[in-house]
């Protein structure tokens, strides 16, 4: 089977590597353009481009897919299927209709739940106990095509989005191979998505990770796990921005929300239904450390309001 692969980040690179290992003929890789990274804004290629370079696979990085140029390239490449994983662009109909087996997407949720760009993070922030991966026959909508196969996984009670990314990337790669093999053998039975059960996982913005201590302890801890390692949950104490890397529920209570209620050997903040203990933090301008270590160097008074 001749494959064109479309994907950009390290999550997608896991599926690309699996396709290479399984001896699929990779005609080309399409990825997002190189982007400036870090404080020095160094122009950096995406992981899929780096991987493709190791195997001498041609790479294309069009800024858009709707000017007809990408279609011309793809028609010349003549793929049997286009595999799409975390590419970050909507494919126009002329491209969707081009390959013999169409365009198959590996999406990191149990569709139709959490369509969109950040399904892994929102599954954790939402407090879900299960998530998974779906392979889907792509259409012109955003993750609205017929479901081909699914793989269900439990979310660990303390699992972060970063950890779940790593797990699902491998599961997604394996599921894509299964789907491609069944497509070749004519064994797939596409299932239409139930629109009444559809939900969306919007692009994450930094301000979304600002902790709200009027919420429950579970909601706060889920946000800490779901927004790690980017953009990372945060709050303000005494006007200083503090990233919260790890937190857990505490048994302590207070009448008000968002107040520091313990600061001797632990940093505990009251919330809607109890309190949350901050375990690992990163004060502004410092490296990650235990909350106890931060308290040793920066005294925080009981009753301090956390914003």
Protein backbone atom coordinates (compact mmCIF):
# COMPACT_ATOMS: atom_id res chain seq x y z
CA UNK A 1 0.00 0.00 0.00
CA UNK A 2 1.40 3.37 -1.07
CA UNK A 3 0.96 5.93 1.73
CA UNK A 4 1.20 9.69 2.02
CA UNK A 5 1.51 10.61 5.69
CA UNK A 6 0.24 13.92 7.06
CA UNK A 7 1.25 14.79 10.61
CA UNK A 8 3.39 17.26 12.53
CA UNK A 9 4.34 16.72 16.21
CA UNK A 10 6.11 13.91 18.07
CA UNK A 11 2.73 12.25 18.71
CA UNK A 12 2.30 11.83 14.94
CA UNK A 13 5.91 10.70 14.46
CA UNK A 14 5.15 7.52 16.42
CA UNK A 15 2.63 6.44 13.78
CA UNK A 16 5.00 7.40 10.97
CA UNK A 17 7.73 5.25 12.52
CA UNK A 18 5.29 2.35 12.82
CA UNK A 19 4.36 2.65 9.13
CA UNK A 20 8.05 2.60 8.24
CA UNK A 21 8.69 -0.41 10.48
CA UNK A 22 5.76 -2.27 8.90
CA UNK A 23 7.32 -1.71 5.47
CA UNK A 24 4.60 0.49 4.03
CA UNK A 25 5.71 2.48 1.01
CA UNK A 26 5.81 6.07 2.28
CA UNK A 27 5.61 8.25 -0.83
CA UNK A 28 5.88 11.53 1.10
CA UNK A 29 5.31 13.25 4.42
CA UNK A 30 3.29 16.45 4.73
CA UNK A 31 3.94 18.52 7.86
CA UNK A 32 3.33 22.04 9.12
CA UNK A 33 6.02 24.60 8.25
CA UNK A 34 9.07 24.94 10.54
CA UNK A 35 8.33 27.21 13.50
CA UNK A 36 10.38 29.44 15.84
CA UNK A 37 10.88 27.70 19.22
CA UNK A 38 12.12 28.87 22.62
CA UNK A 39 13.26 32.22 23.89
CA UNK A 40 15.72 32.61 21.04
CA UNK A 41 12.99 31.73 18.53
CA UNK A 42 15.17 29.24 16.67
CA UNK A 43 13.46 27.97 13.51
CA UNK A 44 12.81 24.29 14.26
CA UNK A 45 11.49 21.51 12.00
CA UNK A 46 8.60 19.33 13.24
CA UNK A 47 9.36 15.84 14.50
CA UNK A 48 7.80 14.15 11.48
CA UNK A 49 10.07 16.08 9.12
CA UNK A 50 13.14 15.09 11.13
CA UNK A 51 12.07 11.43 11.08
CA UNK A 52 11.31 11.49 7.36
CA UNK A 53 14.76 12.94 6.71
CA UNK A 54 16.39 9.96 8.41
CA UNK A 55 14.77 7.63 5.87
CA UNK A 56 15.10 9.84 2.81
CA UNK A 57 11.35 10.38 2.54
CA UNK A 58 10.32 13.54 0.64
CA UNK A 59 8.76 16.21 2.87
CA UNK A 60 6.27 18.90 1.86
CA UNK A 61 5.27 21.78 4.13
CA UNK A 62 2.56 23.80 2.37
CA UNK A 63 1.16 26.80 4.20
CA UNK A 64 -2.30 25.87 2.94
CA UNK A 65 -3.98 23.03 1.06
CA UNK A 66 -6.58 25.03 -0.81
CA UNK A 67 -4.60 26.78 -3.55
CA UNK A 68 -4.43 23.67 -5.73
CA UNK A 69 -0.66 23.20 -5.43
CA UNK A 70 -0.85 20.49 -2.77
CA UNK A 71 -3.45 18.66 -4.84
CA UNK A 72 -1.14 18.65 -7.86
CA UNK A 73 1.69 17.21 -5.77
CA UNK A 74 -0.56 14.56 -4.25
CA UNK A 75 -2.00 13.57 -7.61
CA UNK A 76 1.54 13.07 -8.91
CA UNK A 77 2.41 11.00 -5.81
CA UNK A 78 -0.66 8.83 -6.45
CA UNK A 79 -1.14 7.37 -2.93
CA UNK A 80 -3.49 4.50 -2.17
CA UNK A 81 -4.30 6.17 1.13
CA UNK A 82 -3.50 9.36 3.02
CA UNK A 83 -2.88 8.75 6.72
CA UNK A 84 -3.48 11.80 8.90
CA UNK A 85 -2.41 12.13 12.54
CA UNK A 86 -2.27 15.50 14.32
CA UNK A 87 -1.57 17.36 11.10
CA UNK A 88 -3.32 20.58 12.06
CA UNK A 89 -4.99 21.41 8.74
CA UNK A 90 -8.42 20.73 7.25
CA UNK A 91 -8.23 18.75 4.02
CA UNK A 92 -10.33 20.01 1.07
CA UNK A 93 -12.70 17.63 -0.73
CA UNK A 94 -10.52 17.23 -3.80
CA UNK A 95 -7.75 15.81 -1.61
CA UNK A 96 -10.13 13.68 0.47
CA UNK A 97 -11.42 12.05 -2.73
CA UNK A 98 -8.03 11.47 -4.33
CA UNK A 99 -6.70 8.19 -2.82
CA UNK A 100 -8.26 4.79 -3.50
CA UNK A 101 -8.85 4.20 0.23
CA UNK A 102 -9.52 7.86 0.99
CA UNK A 103 -8.00 9.71 3.94
CA UNK A 104 -7.84 7.93 7.30
CA UNK A 105 -7.35 9.94 10.48
CA UNK A 106 -6.07 8.74 13.83
CA UNK A 107 -7.83 10.88 16.46
CA UNK A 108 -6.97 10.77 20.18
CA UNK A 109 -10.47 10.40 21.61
CA UNK A 110 -13.48 8.14 21.45
CA UNK A 111 -15.39 9.99 18.77
CA UNK A 112 -17.78 11.74 18.62
CA UNK A 113 -16.56 12.91 22.03
CA UNK A 114 -13.84 15.56 22.05
CA UNK A 115 -13.57 16.44 18.39
CA UNK A 116 -10.94 19.09 17.75
CA UNK A 117 -7.33 19.88 18.53
CA UNK A 118 -6.81 19.03 22.22
CA UNK A 119 -8.76 15.87 23.09
CA UNK A 120 -6.14 14.36 25.41
CA UNK A 121 -5.88 17.42 27.66
CA UNK A 122 -9.63 18.00 27.87
CA UNK A 123 -10.36 14.35 28.70
CA UNK A 124 -8.26 14.76 31.85
CA UNK A 125 -9.46 18.27 32.69
CA UNK A 126 -13.02 17.00 32.29
CA UNK A 127 -12.37 14.26 34.84
CA UNK A 128 -12.99 11.36 32.46
CA UNK A 129 -11.95 7.89 33.62
CA UNK A 130 -11.62 6.51 30.08
CA UNK A 131 -10.54 7.79 26.71
CA UNK A 132 -9.00 6.19 23.64
CA UNK A 133 -8.18 6.44 19.97
CA UNK A 134 -10.41 6.38 16.92
CA UNK A 135 -9.50 5.75 13.30
CA UNK A 136 -11.92 7.58 11.05
CA UNK A 137 -12.71 7.92 7.36
CA UNK A 138 -12.23 11.64 6.89
CA UNK A 139 -14.85 13.92 5.38
CA UNK A 140 -15.03 17.71 5.03
CA UNK A 141 -15.96 18.34 8.67
CA UNK A 142 -13.75 18.52 11.75
CA UNK A 143 -13.47 14.92 12.98
CA UNK A 144 -16.98 14.13 11.74
CA UNK A 145 -16.28 11.19 9.41
CA UNK A 146 -17.38 7.58 9.85
CA UNK A 147 -15.69 5.60 12.63
CA UNK A 148 -13.55 2.70 11.45
CA UNK A 149 -11.99 1.30 14.64
CA UNK A 150 -11.56 2.32 18.28
CA UNK A 151 -9.27 1.42 21.17
CA UNK A 152 -10.39 2.22 24.72
CA UNK A 153 -7.99 2.95 27.60
CA UNK A 154 -8.39 3.85 31.26
CA UNK A 155 -6.97 7.15 32.47
CA UNK A 156 -4.81 6.79 35.58
CA UNK A 157 -5.92 8.67 38.69
CA UNK A 158 -2.68 10.67 38.72
CA UNK A 159 -1.86 10.49 35.00
CA UNK A 160 -0.90 13.76 33.34
CA UNK A 161 -1.68 14.83 29.79
CA UNK A 162 2.00 14.41 28.94
CA UNK A 163 1.97 10.80 30.14
CA UNK A 164 -1.29 10.06 28.36
CA UNK A 165 0.11 11.57 25.14
CA UNK A 166 2.95 9.07 25.26
CA UNK A 167 0.65 6.11 25.88
CA UNK A 168 -1.92 7.02 23.26
CA UNK A 169 0.68 7.73 20.58
CA UNK A 170 1.70 4.06 20.65
CA UNK A 171 -1.89 2.81 20.78
CA UNK A 172 -2.81 5.13 17.90
CA UNK A 173 0.05 3.79 15.78
CA UNK A 174 -0.98 0.18 16.37
CA UNK A 175 -4.63 0.94 15.64
CA UNK A 176 -3.74 2.68 12.38
CA UNK A 177 -1.84 -0.41 11.18
CA UNK A 178 -4.85 -2.57 12.08
CA UNK A 179 -7.17 -0.26 10.15
CA UNK A 180 -4.96 -0.15 7.05
CA UNK A 181 -4.70 -3.93 6.94
CA UNK A 182 -8.48 -4.29 7.23
CA UNK A 183 -8.96 -1.62 4.54
CA UNK A 184 -6.79 -3.64 2.15
CA UNK A 185 -8.72 -6.81 2.94
CA UNK A 186 -12.14 -5.13 2.64
CA UNK A 187 -12.98 -5.93 6.25
CA UNK A 188 -13.90 -2.46 7.54
CA UNK A 189 -17.47 -1.57 8.50
CA UNK A 190 -17.67 2.23 8.85
CA UNK A 191 -20.08 3.50 11.49
CA UNK A 192 -21.69 6.93 11.27
CA UNK A 193 -21.05 9.18 14.26
CA UNK A 194 -23.92 10.00 16.59
CA UNK A 195 -24.17 13.80 16.38
CA UNK A 196 -26.27 13.94 19.56
CA UNK A 197 -23.20 12.77 21.52
CA UNK A 198 -20.68 15.10 19.90
CA UNK A 199 -18.50 17.40 22.00
CA UNK A 200 -15.45 19.53 21.26
CA UNK A 201 -11.92 19.94 22.60
CA UNK A 202 -10.94 23.49 21.70
CA UNK A 203 -7.42 24.81 21.22
CA UNK A 204 -5.81 25.39 24.61
CA UNK A 205 -4.76 28.91 25.48
CA UNK A 206 -2.45 29.80 28.36
CA UNK A 207 -5.14 31.66 30.30
CA UNK A 208 -7.27 28.49 30.45
CA UNK A 209 -4.72 27.02 32.87
CA UNK A 210 -5.31 29.73 35.49
CA UNK A 211 -6.58 27.78 38.51
CA UNK A 212 -9.95 28.74 39.98
CA UNK A 213 -10.15 27.85 43.66
CA UNK A 214 -13.93 28.35 43.75
CA UNK A 215 -14.08 24.97 41.99
CA UNK A 216 -13.92 21.56 43.65
CA UNK A 217 -10.68 19.88 44.65
CA UNK A 218 -11.19 17.23 41.96
CA UNK A 219 -11.67 19.90 39.28
CA UNK A 220 -8.52 21.72 40.37
CA UNK A 221 -6.39 18.55 40.49
CA UNK A 222 -7.74 17.48 37.10
CA UNK A 223 -6.75 20.87 35.65
CA UNK A 224 -3.23 20.50 37.07
CA UNK A 225 -2.86 17.05 35.44
CA UNK A 226 -4.57 18.03 32.21
CA UNK A 227 -2.53 21.16 31.57
CA UNK A 228 0.82 19.50 32.28
CA UNK A 229 3.31 20.00 30.75
CA UNK A 230 1.86 22.79 28.61
CA UNK A 231 0.72 25.41 29.33
CA UNK A 232 0.95 24.25 32.98
CA UNK A 233 -1.61 25.24 35.61
CA UNK A 234 -0.81 28.38 37.56
CA UNK A 235 -2.01 30.77 40.26
CA UNK A 236 -0.79 33.96 41.90
CA UNK A 237 0.37 34.17 45.52
CA UNK A 238 1.43 37.57 46.85
CA UNK A 239 1.42 38.83 43.28
CA UNK A 240 3.88 36.18 42.11
CA UNK A 241 2.93 33.74 39.38
CA UNK A 242 3.44 30.14 40.48
CA UNK A 243 3.13 27.16 38.17
CA UNK A 244 1.50 24.15 39.78
CA UNK A 245 3.03 20.92 38.52
CA UNK A 246 1.48 18.48 40.96
CA UNK A 247 -1.38 18.79 43.45
CA UNK A 248 -3.59 16.51 45.53
CA UNK A 249 -6.78 16.72 47.56
CA UNK A 250 -6.45 17.60 51.22
CA UNK A 251 -8.80 16.89 54.15
CA UNK A 252 -8.52 20.42 55.56
CA UNK A 253 -11.45 22.84 55.22
CA UNK A 254 -12.15 26.56 55.48
CA UNK A 255 -15.16 28.86 55.17
CA UNK A 256 -13.70 30.79 52.22
CA UNK A 257 -12.33 29.60 48.89
CA UNK A 258 -8.85 30.47 47.65
CA UNK A 259 -7.22 31.08 51.04
CA UNK A 260 -3.92 29.63 52.25
CA UNK A 261 -4.86 27.45 55.25
CA UNK A 262 -1.60 25.60 55.96
CA UNK A 263 1.99 26.75 55.42
CA UNK A 264 4.25 25.01 57.94
CA UNK A 265 5.43 21.91 56.10
CA UNK A 266 2.71 21.90 53.45
CA UNK A 267 1.04 24.48 51.22
CA UNK A 268 -2.72 23.94 51.34
CA UNK A 269 -5.32 26.18 49.70
CA UNK A 270 -9.04 26.07 50.38
CA UNK A 271 -11.54 25.45 47.60
CA UNK A 272 -15.26 24.78 47.03
CA UNK A 273 -15.51 21.41 48.75
CA UNK A 274 -12.39 21.29 50.90
CA UNK A 275 -8.83 22.06 49.95
CA UNK A 276 -5.92 21.27 47.66
CA UNK A 277 -2.31 20.67 48.65
CA UNK A 278 0.27 21.93 46.18
CA UNK A 279 3.00 19.29 45.96
CA UNK A 280 5.35 20.47 43.21
CA UNK A 281 5.53 24.07 42.07
CA UNK A 282 7.64 26.40 39.98
CA UNK A 283 7.84 29.96 41.29
CA UNK A 284 8.36 32.73 38.76
CA UNK A 285 11.97 32.77 37.59
CA UNK A 286 12.89 29.54 39.39
CA UNK A 287 13.17 25.84 38.66
CA UNK A 288 10.50 23.30 39.69
CA UNK A 289 10.68 22.41 43.40
CA UNK A 290 8.62 20.94 46.19
CA UNK A 291 6.15 23.31 47.82
CA UNK A 292 7.97 22.68 51.12
CA UNK A 293 11.22 23.91 49.59
CA UNK A 294 9.47 27.02 48.28
CA UNK A 295 8.03 27.71 51.75
CA UNK A 296 11.50 27.44 53.27
CA UNK A 297 12.67 30.33 51.11
CA UNK A 298 9.47 32.37 50.81
CA UNK A 299 7.24 32.67 53.85
CA UNK A 300 3.54 32.72 53.05
CA UNK A 301 1.15 33.87 55.78
CA UNK A 302 -1.94 31.95 56.74
CA UNK A 303 -5.02 33.61 55.22
CA UNK A 304 -3.16 34.84 52.13
CA UNK A 305 -5.56 35.13 49.21
CA UNK A 306 -4.61 33.01 46.19
CA UNK A 307 -5.58 34.55 42.90
